[in-house]
Amino acid sequence: MPENKQKSASPMVVRPRRAAPVLVCRKCLKRSDDGRDVRRALKSELKARKHDGSKPAKLIMTGCFGLCPKKAVVLASGTSLARQEYVLVADGDQVPWALKLLNGERGG
């Protein structure tokens, strides 16, 4: 009995027109006293870091990462997750340095 296998198309690789997204724990933002300031600082810093002709990185609210710091917000990116690292931000002033850490920039 012959098998009726349909050929499926190969998966495609697509490159977005924007920088990689930044992931932030929704629960941490809600619980933090400075959560609103951190979110605002993240969005404005991401817009300021966009490259010519590209769109700014998206800020994506996620579920809990399971770290649950008492007075900070947990951030991650694809790069930081590959290194199994998270960045904790206590207030909006720490956001520029946190974004550098998420991208693997250590010097400074």
Protein backbone atom coordinates (compact mmCIF):
# COMPACT_ATOMS: atom_id res chain seq x y z
CA MET A 1 0.00 0.00 0.00
CA PRO A 2 1.68 3.30 -1.05
CA GLU A 3 1.93 6.15 1.44
CA ASN A 4 0.26 9.38 0.47
CA LYS A 5 2.69 11.95 1.79
CA GLN A 6 2.24 15.52 0.81
CA LYS A 7 5.33 17.62 0.53
CA SER A 8 5.20 20.57 2.81
CA ALA A 9 6.98 23.79 2.14
CA SER A 10 10.29 24.33 3.84
CA PRO A 11 10.37 26.70 6.80
CA MET A 12 11.47 30.22 5.97
CA VAL A 13 13.77 32.53 7.87
CA VAL A 14 12.53 36.11 8.04
CA ARG A 15 14.40 39.11 9.37
CA PRO A 16 12.27 41.86 10.95
CA ARG A 17 12.72 45.53 10.17
CA ARG A 18 13.12 46.36 13.83
CA ALA A 19 15.54 45.59 16.62
CA ALA A 20 14.99 42.52 18.79
CA PRO A 21 12.24 42.96 21.40
CA VAL A 22 12.77 43.60 25.09
CA LEU A 23 10.74 41.38 27.41
CA VAL A 24 9.47 42.74 30.72
CA CYS A 25 7.55 40.95 33.45
CA ARG A 26 4.04 42.40 33.62
CA LYS A 27 3.64 41.31 37.24
CA CYS A 28 6.85 43.06 38.32
CA LEU A 29 5.81 46.28 36.58
CA LYS A 30 2.44 46.24 38.30
CA ARG A 31 3.88 45.48 41.72
CA SER A 32 6.80 47.95 41.59
CA ASP A 33 6.32 51.44 43.01
CA ASP A 34 8.33 52.82 40.07
CA GLY A 35 6.81 50.49 37.47
CA ARG A 36 5.16 53.28 35.51
CA ASP A 37 8.43 55.23 35.37
CA VAL A 38 10.39 52.14 34.32
CA ARG A 39 7.95 51.37 31.52
CA ARG A 40 7.99 54.97 30.29
CA ALA A 41 11.80 55.08 30.40
CA LEU A 42 12.05 51.76 28.54
CA LYS A 43 9.75 52.89 25.74
CA SER A 44 11.48 56.26 25.29
CA GLU A 45 14.97 54.72 25.41
CA LEU A 46 14.01 52.08 22.84
CA LYS A 47 12.70 54.82 20.52
CA ALA A 48 15.90 56.82 21.00
CA ARG A 49 18.07 53.78 20.12
CA LYS A 50 16.43 53.00 16.80
CA HIS A 51 18.74 52.92 13.79
CA ASP A 52 18.23 54.93 10.62
CA GLY A 53 15.40 53.49 8.57
CA SER A 54 14.45 50.86 11.13
CA LYS A 55 11.66 50.72 13.62
CA PRO A 56 12.32 50.83 17.36
CA ALA A 57 12.40 47.60 19.34
CA LYS A 58 9.09 46.50 20.82
CA LEU A 59 8.54 46.31 24.56
CA ILE A 60 6.73 43.02 25.19
CA MET A 61 4.91 42.33 28.43
CA THR A 62 5.34 38.72 29.48
CA GLY A 63 4.18 36.45 32.23
CA CYS A 64 6.29 35.84 35.30
CA PHE A 65 9.93 34.81 34.82
CA GLY A 66 9.87 33.21 38.27
CA LEU A 67 12.48 35.51 39.83
CA CYS A 68 10.11 37.90 41.65
CA PRO A 69 12.45 40.53 43.14
CA LYS A 70 10.85 42.67 45.84
CA LYS A 71 11.77 46.14 44.55
CA ALA A 72 12.76 45.66 40.92
CA VAL A 73 11.42 44.80 37.48
CA VAL A 74 12.79 41.81 35.53
CA LEU A 75 13.91 42.45 31.94
CA ALA A 76 15.18 40.03 29.32
CA SER A 77 16.03 39.87 25.63
CA GLY A 78 16.83 37.09 23.22
CA THR A 79 20.53 37.76 23.74
CA SER A 80 20.30 37.72 27.53
CA LEU A 81 18.12 34.59 27.54
CA ALA A 82 20.69 32.79 25.41
CA ARG A 83 23.22 33.57 28.18
CA GLN A 84 20.63 32.59 30.82
CA GLU A 85 20.76 36.10 32.31
CA TYR A 86 18.08 38.56 33.38
CA VAL A 87 18.47 42.24 34.24
CA LEU A 88 16.76 43.76 37.29
CA VAL A 89 15.80 47.44 37.15
CA ALA A 90 14.72 49.35 40.25
CA ASP A 91 13.93 52.72 38.63
CA GLY A 92 13.82 54.54 35.30
CA ASP A 93 17.34 55.95 35.68
CA GLN A 94 18.80 52.43 35.36
CA VAL A 95 17.13 51.72 32.00
CA PRO A 96 19.92 52.89 29.61
CA TRP A 97 22.52 50.75 31.39
CA ALA A 98 20.07 47.83 31.60
CA LEU A 99 19.51 47.90 27.82
CA LYS A 100 23.27 47.75 27.29
CA LEU A 101 23.47 44.73 29.57
CA LEU A 102 20.62 43.04 27.71
CA ASN A 103 22.56 43.38 24.47
CA GLY A 104 25.73 41.93 25.96
CA GLU A 105 27.65 45.19 26.37
CA ARG A 106 29.74 44.86 29.53
CA GLY A 107 32.22 47.74 29.39
CA GLY A 108 31.45 51.10 30.64
